[in-house]
Amino acid sequence: MELFVIATLAVVTLAIGVPIGFVILLTCFLLIFNDPFVNLGAVPAIFVQGMDSFILLSIPLFVLVGVIMNAGGLSQRLLDLAVVMVGHLRAGIAHVNIVASMIFSGISGTTTSDVAGLGRIEIPMMVKEGFRPETAAVITAVSATIGPIIPPSVPFILYGALTSTSIGKLFLGGLIPGILLGLWLMAVVALLAHRGQISSARYMRGRASLASIGVALRRSFWALLTPFILVGGIVTGWFTATEAAGVAVVYAILVTCFVYRTVSFRELFAMFCESAEYVGIIMMVVAAASVFGWLIIQAGAAAFLLDLIRATGQGPMVTLIIINLILLVMGMFVEATSMIILLAPILMPLVQQTGVDPVHFGVVFTLNMMIATVTPPIGMCGIIASDIAGVSMQKFSREVIPYVLAMIAFLFFILFFPPIVTYLPNLIFS
């Protein structure tokens, strides 16, 4: 009865707009209050230890990279490159939106950076081309889910830190699925355009010449070089994921301040402040979730879940299917980052017991969480994109259905074919 009351209170406080970090802390205090055997002296230590990780240091640095490069005009350069590559296709600007996200994902590593950065350029561009605002918002939000799958990726870093999984292997594991996801979303757009379910006043534009493509590549060269430096450095062992984030910050400052000269040192301070505000929210949730996870483990929830799955007598694949179905439902009501932080440590013992590759599960788990970012009612990317486009969440929710179904189909595709994820990590790290 007490657990039911606590769960109800948590849902109500979340529904009225209380930040997720405070909701988690409130739940923790209520759990502690109702359990006289919890050592209260350990709670502050667990809270601090949740943020005391060298790997987590890379999160504010990667966020800062995205902010600097977005403010420095690199988003527009990457968008121009996408236009000359696929702008001539049917519903061309919709394809441009997806390709630009695939390219930008190698820089930012977060969905919100993609939506907030590219979305302010892409959504008005699509509306100007004749797309309905809700269509522009949906495609922008959905394409942003590619960001954390193609390295570098903040969710991969969180998952790796919480489960002691190699960040380098996760980065390589997400590369092929991330590219395939982008191509899959382009196929969905092409199908919907062919059926007339999405339309624009200007469907066709001329195919860009080789000279135009060359100019676009030259203008965006330094931005395109970023993911190769980061992933290449991690894979070759030149630096760790955290050190790679520091290298990326220095590189972003050099490119925007000295190569393109679009950012001044005075403007950098404001970008540091913007990044700190965003990261502060994440780290608050990380610390609160660490306490919650510790309490759940102390209560035996992980062992209970493991015993429950074992009782079904099913193999690893069925176990993964059950877990992912549960996560898809939870993703409709819980913010994606919070789910990663809360569930990754709890699910990892189950994954290890069933013999599933932690890298394979990490990529599948992260993609599941990215689907949550566009799933109503609290999908963060959907909320941001709808706000930029000036459309209601009701219109967004109706428009996003075919894309969510397509992403779920892709999720189970990589779930059933692990080599898509594990091939590169096994090849490089063998």
Protein backbone atom coordinates (compact mmCIF):
# COMPACT_ATOMS: atom_id res chain seq x y z
CA MET A 1 0.00 0.00 0.00
CA GLU A 2 2.82 2.41 0.87
CA LEU A 3 4.58 1.71 -2.44
CA PHE A 4 1.34 2.41 -4.29
CA VAL A 5 0.95 5.75 -2.50
CA ILE A 6 4.57 6.69 -3.24
CA ALA A 7 4.21 5.76 -6.93
CA THR A 8 0.96 7.73 -7.20
CA LEU A 9 2.54 10.77 -5.56
CA ALA A 10 5.49 10.57 -7.96
CA VAL A 11 3.19 10.41 -10.99
CA VAL A 12 1.09 13.33 -9.75
CA THR A 13 4.11 15.56 -9.03
CA LEU A 14 5.55 14.73 -12.45
CA ALA A 15 2.23 15.50 -14.12
CA ILE A 16 1.98 18.97 -12.52
CA GLY A 17 5.39 19.92 -13.85
CA VAL A 18 7.82 19.20 -11.00
CA PRO A 19 11.31 18.60 -12.51
CA ILE A 20 12.18 14.92 -12.79
CA GLY A 21 15.26 15.29 -10.55
CA PHE A 22 13.16 16.58 -7.64
CA VAL A 23 10.52 13.91 -8.25
CA ILE A 24 13.20 11.21 -7.94
CA LEU A 25 14.58 12.80 -4.75
CA LEU A 26 11.09 13.02 -3.26
CA THR A 27 10.52 9.35 -4.03
CA CYS A 28 13.87 8.49 -2.44
CA PHE A 29 13.04 10.37 0.77
CA LEU A 30 9.66 8.65 1.02
CA LEU A 31 11.25 5.24 0.49
CA ILE A 32 13.86 5.97 3.16
CA PHE A 33 11.21 7.24 5.55
CA ASN A 34 9.26 3.99 5.16
CA ASP A 35 12.30 1.73 5.56
CA PRO A 36 13.89 1.91 9.02
CA PHE A 37 16.79 -0.32 7.92
CA VAL A 38 18.25 2.13 5.40
CA ASN A 39 21.51 3.72 6.51
CA LEU A 40 20.79 7.46 6.23
CA GLY A 41 24.48 8.28 6.50
CA ALA A 42 25.13 6.53 3.18
CA VAL A 43 22.61 8.59 1.22
CA PRO A 44 24.69 11.82 0.86
CA ALA A 45 27.72 9.73 -0.12
CA ILE A 46 25.71 7.90 -2.80
CA PHE A 47 24.36 11.25 -4.05
CA VAL A 48 27.87 12.64 -4.51
CA GLN A 49 29.32 9.42 -5.89
CA GLY A 50 26.65 9.43 -8.58
CA MET A 51 28.41 12.44 -10.13
CA ASP A 52 31.95 11.47 -9.16
CA SER A 53 32.94 9.77 -12.41
CA PHE A 54 35.73 10.64 -14.81
CA ILE A 55 33.64 9.38 -17.74
CA LEU A 56 30.72 11.69 -16.85
CA LEU A 57 33.08 14.65 -17.20
CA SER A 58 32.77 14.21 -20.97
CA ILE A 59 29.05 15.10 -20.95
CA PRO A 60 29.42 18.87 -20.31
CA LEU A 61 32.31 18.96 -22.77
CA PHE A 62 30.36 17.32 -25.61
CA VAL A 63 27.38 19.57 -24.89
CA LEU A 64 29.70 22.58 -25.09
CA VAL A 65 31.04 21.38 -28.46
CA GLY A 66 27.51 21.29 -29.87
CA VAL A 67 26.70 24.76 -28.56
CA ILE A 68 29.92 26.30 -29.93
CA MET A 69 29.63 24.75 -33.37
CA ASN A 70 25.94 25.55 -33.64
CA ALA A 71 26.52 29.19 -32.71
CA GLY A 72 29.52 29.32 -35.04
CA GLY A 73 27.37 28.65 -38.09
CA LEU A 74 28.49 25.09 -38.68
CA SER A 75 24.87 23.91 -38.61
CA GLN A 76 24.11 26.02 -41.67
CA ARG A 77 27.21 24.75 -43.48
CA LEU A 78 26.23 21.14 -42.80
CA LEU A 79 22.67 21.88 -43.92
CA ASP A 80 23.95 23.38 -47.17
CA LEU A 81 25.94 20.20 -47.75
CA ALA A 82 22.85 18.06 -47.19
CA VAL A 83 20.88 20.21 -49.68
CA VAL A 84 23.32 19.59 -52.53
CA MET A 85 23.45 15.88 -51.68
CA VAL A 86 19.75 14.96 -51.47
CA GLY A 87 17.80 18.16 -52.11
CA HIS A 88 16.83 16.97 -55.60
CA LEU A 89 14.88 13.96 -54.27
CA ARG A 90 11.12 13.90 -53.96
CA ALA A 91 10.19 15.79 -50.76
CA GLY A 92 13.82 16.86 -50.87
CA ILE A 93 13.95 19.16 -47.84
CA ALA A 94 12.56 16.35 -45.66
CA HIS A 95 15.49 14.18 -46.79
CA VAL A 96 17.84 17.12 -46.21
CA ASN A 97 16.56 17.29 -42.64
CA ILE A 98 17.49 13.65 -42.01
CA VAL A 99 20.89 13.78 -43.73
CA ALA A 100 21.81 16.97 -41.85
CA SER A 101 20.99 15.24 -38.57
CA MET A 102 23.15 12.27 -39.54
CA ILE A 103 26.07 14.62 -40.20
CA PHE A 104 25.46 16.84 -37.16
CA SER A 105 25.19 13.76 -34.93
CA GLY A 106 28.93 13.25 -35.32
CA ILE A 107 29.44 16.55 -33.50
CA SER A 108 26.78 17.07 -30.83
CA GLY A 109 25.88 13.59 -29.53
CA THR A 110 22.54 14.72 -28.05
CA THR A 111 18.99 14.84 -29.41
CA THR A 112 18.12 18.17 -27.83
CA SER A 113 21.15 19.89 -29.37
CA ASP A 114 20.08 18.64 -32.78
CA VAL A 115 16.46 19.74 -32.41
CA ALA A 116 17.22 23.09 -30.79
CA GLY A 117 20.11 23.84 -33.15
CA LEU A 118 19.19 22.53 -36.58
CA GLY A 119 15.45 22.71 -35.87
CA ARG A 120 15.43 26.50 -35.85
CA ILE A 121 16.81 26.39 -39.40
CA GLU A 122 15.14 23.26 -40.78
CA ILE A 123 11.56 23.77 -39.62
CA PRO A 124 11.15 27.28 -41.15
CA MET A 125 12.86 25.99 -44.32
CA MET A 126 10.41 23.08 -44.62
CA VAL A 127 7.40 25.30 -43.95
CA LYS A 128 8.64 27.73 -46.61
CA GLU A 129 8.84 24.80 -49.06
CA GLY A 130 5.16 24.09 -48.41
CA PHE A 131 5.28 21.33 -45.79
CA ARG A 132 2.72 21.46 -43.03
CA PRO A 133 4.25 22.75 -39.75
CA GLU A 134 3.42 19.52 -37.93
CA THR A 135 5.19 17.51 -40.64
CA ALA A 136 8.27 19.73 -40.33
CA ALA A 137 8.23 19.33 -36.54
CA VAL A 138 7.86 15.55 -36.67
CA ILE A 139 10.63 14.94 -39.22
CA THR A 140 12.97 17.27 -37.31
CA ALA A 141 12.28 15.50 -34.00
CA VAL A 142 12.49 12.00 -35.46
CA SER A 143 15.73 12.69 -37.34
CA ALA A 144 17.29 13.99 -34.11
CA THR A 145 17.06 10.48 -32.64
CA ILE A 146 19.94 9.50 -34.94
CA GLY A 147 22.29 11.79 -32.98
CA PRO A 148 22.92 9.58 -29.92
CA ILE A 149 23.31 6.44 -32.06
CA ILE A 150 26.09 7.75 -34.32
CA PRO A 151 29.18 8.57 -32.18
CA PRO A 152 29.98 10.60 -30.19
CA SER A 153 26.98 9.99 -27.97
CA VAL A 154 26.12 11.32 -24.52
CA PRO A 155 23.63 8.47 -23.81
CA PHE A 156 26.34 5.92 -24.68
CA ILE A 157 28.66 7.64 -22.23
CA LEU A 158 26.00 7.53 -19.52
CA TYR A 159 25.27 3.87 -20.21
CA GLY A 160 28.96 2.99 -20.28
CA ALA A 161 29.66 4.82 -17.03
CA LEU A 162 26.74 3.19 -15.25
CA THR A 163 27.38 -0.36 -16.51
CA SER A 164 31.19 -0.39 -16.90
CA THR A 165 30.88 -1.03 -20.62
CA SER A 166 33.60 0.14 -23.02
CA ILE A 167 32.71 3.57 -24.46
CA GLY A 168 34.87 2.90 -27.51
CA LYS A 169 32.99 -0.32 -28.28
CA LEU A 170 29.64 1.42 -27.81
CA PHE A 171 30.68 4.19 -30.20
CA LEU A 172 31.71 1.68 -32.86
CA GLY A 173 28.63 -0.44 -32.20
CA GLY A 174 26.33 2.49 -32.91
CA LEU A 175 27.98 3.54 -36.18
CA ILE A 176 26.36 1.04 -38.59
CA PRO A 177 22.89 1.08 -36.90
CA GLY A 178 22.97 4.91 -36.88
CA ILE A 179 23.63 5.11 -40.61
CA LEU A 180 21.03 2.42 -41.35
CA LEU A 181 18.48 4.25 -39.18
CA GLY A 182 19.00 7.43 -41.22
CA LEU A 183 18.54 5.53 -44.48
CA TRP A 184 15.46 3.79 -43.05
CA LEU A 185 13.87 7.11 -42.10
CA MET A 186 14.60 8.44 -45.59
CA ALA A 187 12.82 5.39 -47.02
CA VAL A 188 9.81 6.12 -44.79
CA VAL A 189 9.73 9.74 -46.01
CA ALA A 190 9.97 8.57 -49.64
CA LEU A 191 7.08 6.14 -49.13
CA LEU A 192 4.86 8.72 -47.44
CA ALA A 193 5.68 11.27 -50.15
CA HIS A 194 4.83 8.75 -52.86
CA ARG A 195 1.47 8.10 -51.21
CA GLY A 196 0.81 11.81 -50.90
CA GLN A 197 0.67 11.74 -47.10
CA ILE A 198 3.33 14.43 -46.90
CA SER A 199 3.61 17.11 -49.52
CA SER A 200 5.28 20.38 -50.31
CA ALA A 201 4.69 23.08 -52.88
CA ARG A 202 8.16 22.44 -54.31
CA TYR A 203 8.82 18.75 -54.64
CA MET A 204 11.67 18.79 -57.12
CA ARG A 205 14.80 20.86 -57.53
CA GLY A 206 17.67 20.36 -59.93
CA ARG A 207 20.40 17.88 -59.12
CA ALA A 208 23.46 19.72 -57.82
CA SER A 209 26.55 19.75 -60.00
CA LEU A 210 29.82 18.19 -58.91
CA ALA A 211 31.23 21.69 -58.57
CA SER A 212 28.44 22.68 -56.15
CA ILE A 213 28.99 19.54 -54.11
CA GLY A 214 32.71 20.28 -54.00
CA VAL A 215 32.08 23.83 -52.77
CA ALA A 216 29.74 22.56 -50.03
CA LEU A 217 32.27 19.93 -48.95
CA ARG A 218 35.03 22.53 -48.80
CA ARG A 219 32.89 24.93 -46.72
CA SER A 220 32.00 22.20 -44.22
CA PHE A 221 35.32 20.33 -44.26
CA TRP A 222 36.47 21.32 -40.77
CA ALA A 223 33.11 20.42 -39.26
CA LEU A 224 33.06 17.05 -41.03
CA LEU A 225 36.53 16.30 -39.67
CA THR A 226 35.30 16.37 -36.05
CA PRO A 227 33.80 12.85 -35.75
CA PHE A 228 36.80 11.30 -37.51
CA ILE A 229 39.16 12.91 -35.00
CA LEU A 230 37.06 11.84 -32.01
CA VAL A 231 36.20 8.27 -32.98
CA GLY A 232 39.61 7.69 -34.56
CA GLY A 233 41.39 8.88 -31.44
CA ILE A 234 39.31 6.67 -29.14
CA VAL A 235 39.63 3.57 -31.32
CA THR A 236 43.39 3.94 -31.78
CA GLY A 237 43.89 4.54 -28.08
CA TRP A 238 45.26 8.06 -28.43
CA PHE A 239 42.77 9.28 -25.85
CA THR A 240 39.80 8.12 -23.80
CA ALA A 241 36.19 9.20 -24.36
CA THR A 242 36.57 11.90 -21.72
CA GLU A 243 39.83 13.16 -23.18
CA ALA A 244 38.21 13.10 -26.63
CA ALA A 245 35.55 15.48 -25.33
CA GLY A 246 38.27 17.89 -24.18
CA VAL A 247 39.99 17.62 -27.56
CA ALA A 248 36.65 18.32 -29.26
CA VAL A 249 36.13 21.52 -27.23
CA VAL A 250 39.58 22.84 -28.15
CA TYR A 251 39.01 21.88 -31.78
CA ALA A 252 35.59 23.58 -31.85
CA ILE A 253 37.05 26.80 -30.44
CA LEU A 254 39.92 26.77 -32.95
CA VAL A 255 37.60 26.15 -35.91
CA THR A 256 34.94 28.72 -35.01
CA CYS A 257 37.28 31.42 -33.69
CA PHE A 258 40.27 31.14 -36.01
CA VAL A 259 39.26 29.19 -39.15
CA TYR A 260 35.71 30.38 -39.81
CA ARG A 261 36.00 33.41 -37.48
CA THR A 262 32.29 33.31 -36.66
CA VAL A 263 32.66 33.33 -32.86
CA SER A 264 34.50 35.82 -30.66
CA PHE A 265 36.08 35.06 -27.31
CA ARG A 266 33.51 37.32 -25.65
CA GLU A 267 30.69 35.16 -27.05
CA LEU A 268 32.35 32.00 -25.75
CA PHE A 269 31.51 32.96 -22.16
CA ALA A 270 27.78 32.98 -22.93
CA MET A 271 28.12 29.56 -24.58
CA PHE A 272 29.87 28.19 -21.50
CA CYS A 273 26.99 29.47 -19.36
CA GLU A 274 24.37 27.94 -21.68
CA SER A 275 26.12 24.57 -21.58
CA ALA A 276 26.48 24.70 -17.79
CA GLU A 277 22.75 25.31 -17.35
CA TYR A 278 21.85 22.30 -19.48
CA VAL A 279 24.45 20.03 -17.88
CA GLY A 280 23.42 21.09 -14.37
CA ILE A 281 19.99 19.63 -15.00
CA ILE A 282 21.45 16.34 -16.27
CA MET A 283 23.85 15.95 -13.35
CA MET A 284 21.10 16.70 -10.83
CA VAL A 285 19.10 13.83 -12.31
CA VAL A 286 22.19 11.58 -12.38
CA ALA A 287 22.86 12.17 -8.67
CA ALA A 288 19.23 11.70 -7.65
CA ALA A 289 18.90 8.58 -9.80
CA SER A 290 22.02 7.12 -8.20
CA VAL A 291 20.34 7.26 -4.81
CA PHE A 292 17.12 5.82 -6.24
CA GLY A 293 18.99 3.00 -7.98
CA TRP A 294 20.88 2.20 -4.78
CA LEU A 295 17.61 1.99 -2.83
CA ILE A 296 16.04 -0.23 -5.49
CA ILE A 297 19.02 -2.58 -5.44
CA GLN A 298 18.98 -2.64 -1.64
CA ALA A 299 15.31 -3.57 -1.79
CA GLY A 300 16.15 -6.51 -4.07
CA ALA A 301 14.33 -5.23 -7.17
CA ALA A 302 17.10 -6.33 -9.54
CA ALA A 303 17.15 -9.82 -8.07
CA PHE A 304 13.34 -9.97 -8.19
CA LEU A 305 13.28 -8.96 -11.87
CA LEU A 306 15.97 -11.51 -12.68
CA ASP A 307 14.08 -14.28 -10.89
CA LEU A 308 10.87 -13.25 -12.67
CA ILE A 309 12.48 -13.53 -16.10
CA ARG A 310 14.15 -16.80 -15.16
CA ALA A 311 10.80 -18.19 -14.08
CA THR A 312 9.49 -17.86 -17.62
CA GLY A 313 12.20 -20.28 -18.75
CA GLN A 314 12.85 -18.28 -21.93
CA GLY A 315 16.13 -17.70 -23.76
CA PRO A 316 18.14 -14.47 -24.10
CA MET A 317 16.26 -13.22 -27.17
CA VAL A 318 12.82 -13.57 -25.59
CA THR A 319 14.18 -11.83 -22.50
CA LEU A 320 15.36 -8.94 -24.64
CA ILE A 321 11.98 -8.72 -26.37
CA ILE A 322 10.16 -8.56 -23.04
CA ILE A 323 12.53 -5.89 -21.72
CA ASN A 324 12.16 -3.75 -24.84
CA LEU A 325 8.38 -3.98 -24.85
CA ILE A 326 8.35 -2.79 -21.24
CA LEU A 327 10.76 0.04 -22.07
CA LEU A 328 8.64 1.19 -25.03
CA VAL A 329 5.63 1.55 -22.74
CA MET A 330 7.64 3.26 -20.00
CA GLY A 331 9.12 5.65 -22.55
CA MET A 332 5.71 7.20 -23.07
CA PHE A 333 5.67 8.46 -19.50
CA VAL A 334 9.29 8.79 -18.31
CA GLU A 335 11.97 11.11 -19.72
CA ALA A 336 14.60 9.21 -21.74
CA THR A 337 17.74 10.35 -19.91
CA SER A 338 16.16 9.51 -16.58
CA MET A 339 15.31 6.02 -17.82
CA ILE A 340 18.90 5.42 -18.90
CA ILE A 341 20.20 6.52 -15.53
CA LEU A 342 17.61 4.62 -13.53
CA LEU A 343 17.33 1.38 -15.47
CA ALA A 344 20.78 0.69 -16.93
CA PRO A 345 22.34 -0.41 -13.59
CA ILE A 346 19.26 -2.48 -12.75
CA LEU A 347 19.01 -4.23 -16.13
CA MET A 348 22.73 -4.95 -16.54
CA PRO A 349 22.83 -7.91 -14.08
CA LEU A 350 19.91 -9.42 -15.99
CA VAL A 351 21.68 -8.89 -19.31
CA GLN A 352 24.89 -10.47 -18.00
CA GLN A 353 23.02 -13.47 -16.59
CA THR A 354 21.29 -14.14 -19.92
CA GLY A 355 24.57 -13.97 -21.86
CA VAL A 356 23.62 -10.98 -24.03
CA ASP A 357 26.50 -8.85 -25.32
CA PRO A 358 26.51 -5.62 -23.21
CA VAL A 359 27.44 -3.55 -26.29
CA HIS A 360 24.56 -5.00 -28.31
CA PHE A 361 22.15 -4.37 -25.45
CA GLY A 362 23.54 -0.86 -24.94
CA VAL A 363 22.84 0.17 -28.54
CA VAL A 364 19.37 -1.42 -28.52
CA PHE A 365 18.60 0.12 -25.13
CA THR A 366 19.74 3.58 -26.28
CA LEU A 367 17.68 3.40 -29.48
CA ASN A 368 14.67 2.44 -27.36
CA MET A 369 15.27 5.52 -25.24
CA MET A 370 15.55 7.68 -28.37
CA ILE A 371 12.14 6.47 -29.50
CA ALA A 372 10.90 7.73 -26.13
CA THR A 373 12.11 11.26 -26.99
CA VAL A 374 9.53 11.53 -29.78
CA THR A 375 6.75 9.50 -28.17
CA PRO A 376 3.89 11.57 -26.67
CA PRO A 377 3.02 12.76 -24.14
CA ILE A 378 6.43 13.76 -22.70
CA GLY A 379 8.86 13.09 -25.56
CA MET A 380 11.34 15.95 -25.13
CA CYS A 381 12.29 16.24 -28.81
CA GLY A 382 8.64 16.33 -29.77
CA ILE A 383 7.94 19.10 -27.29
CA ILE A 384 10.88 21.23 -28.50
CA ALA A 385 10.12 20.72 -32.20
CA SER A 386 6.40 21.45 -31.70
CA ASP A 387 7.26 24.64 -29.88
CA ILE A 388 9.57 25.80 -32.68
CA ALA A 389 6.96 24.95 -35.33
CA GLY A 390 4.12 26.52 -33.32
CA VAL A 391 1.90 23.42 -33.44
CA SER A 392 0.04 21.60 -30.69
CA MET A 393 1.18 18.26 -29.29
CA GLN A 394 -2.12 16.78 -30.50
CA LYS A 395 -1.22 17.50 -34.13
CA PHE A 396 2.33 16.33 -33.55
CA SER A 397 1.09 13.09 -31.96
CA ARG A 398 -1.10 12.21 -34.94
CA GLU A 399 1.67 12.99 -37.44
CA VAL A 400 4.42 11.05 -35.63
CA ILE A 401 2.64 7.66 -35.54
CA PRO A 402 4.06 6.14 -38.79
CA TYR A 403 7.58 7.25 -37.89
CA VAL A 404 7.40 5.75 -34.39
CA LEU A 405 6.11 2.46 -35.83
CA ALA A 406 8.96 2.46 -38.36
CA MET A 407 11.53 3.10 -35.61
CA ILE A 408 10.11 0.28 -33.49
CA ALA A 409 10.43 -2.04 -36.49
CA PHE A 410 14.06 -0.96 -36.90
CA LEU A 411 14.65 -1.49 -33.16
CA PHE A 412 13.61 -5.14 -33.40
CA PHE A 413 15.59 -5.53 -36.63
CA ILE A 414 18.88 -4.75 -34.87
CA LEU A 415 17.67 -6.72 -31.85
CA PHE A 416 17.30 -9.89 -33.93
CA PHE A 417 20.56 -9.35 -35.83
CA PRO A 418 23.29 -8.61 -33.24
CA PRO A 419 26.20 -8.60 -35.77
CA ILE A 420 24.90 -5.27 -37.10
CA VAL A 421 25.99 -3.84 -33.75
CA THR A 422 28.84 -6.09 -32.73
CA TYR A 423 30.72 -6.46 -36.04
CA LEU A 424 32.80 -3.27 -35.84
CA PRO A 425 33.63 -3.50 -32.09
CA ASN A 426 34.72 -7.12 -32.50
CA LEU A 427 36.73 -6.32 -35.61
CA ILE A 428 38.57 -3.32 -34.17
CA PHE A 429 39.05 -4.49 -30.58
CA SER A 430 39.75 -8.15 -31.33
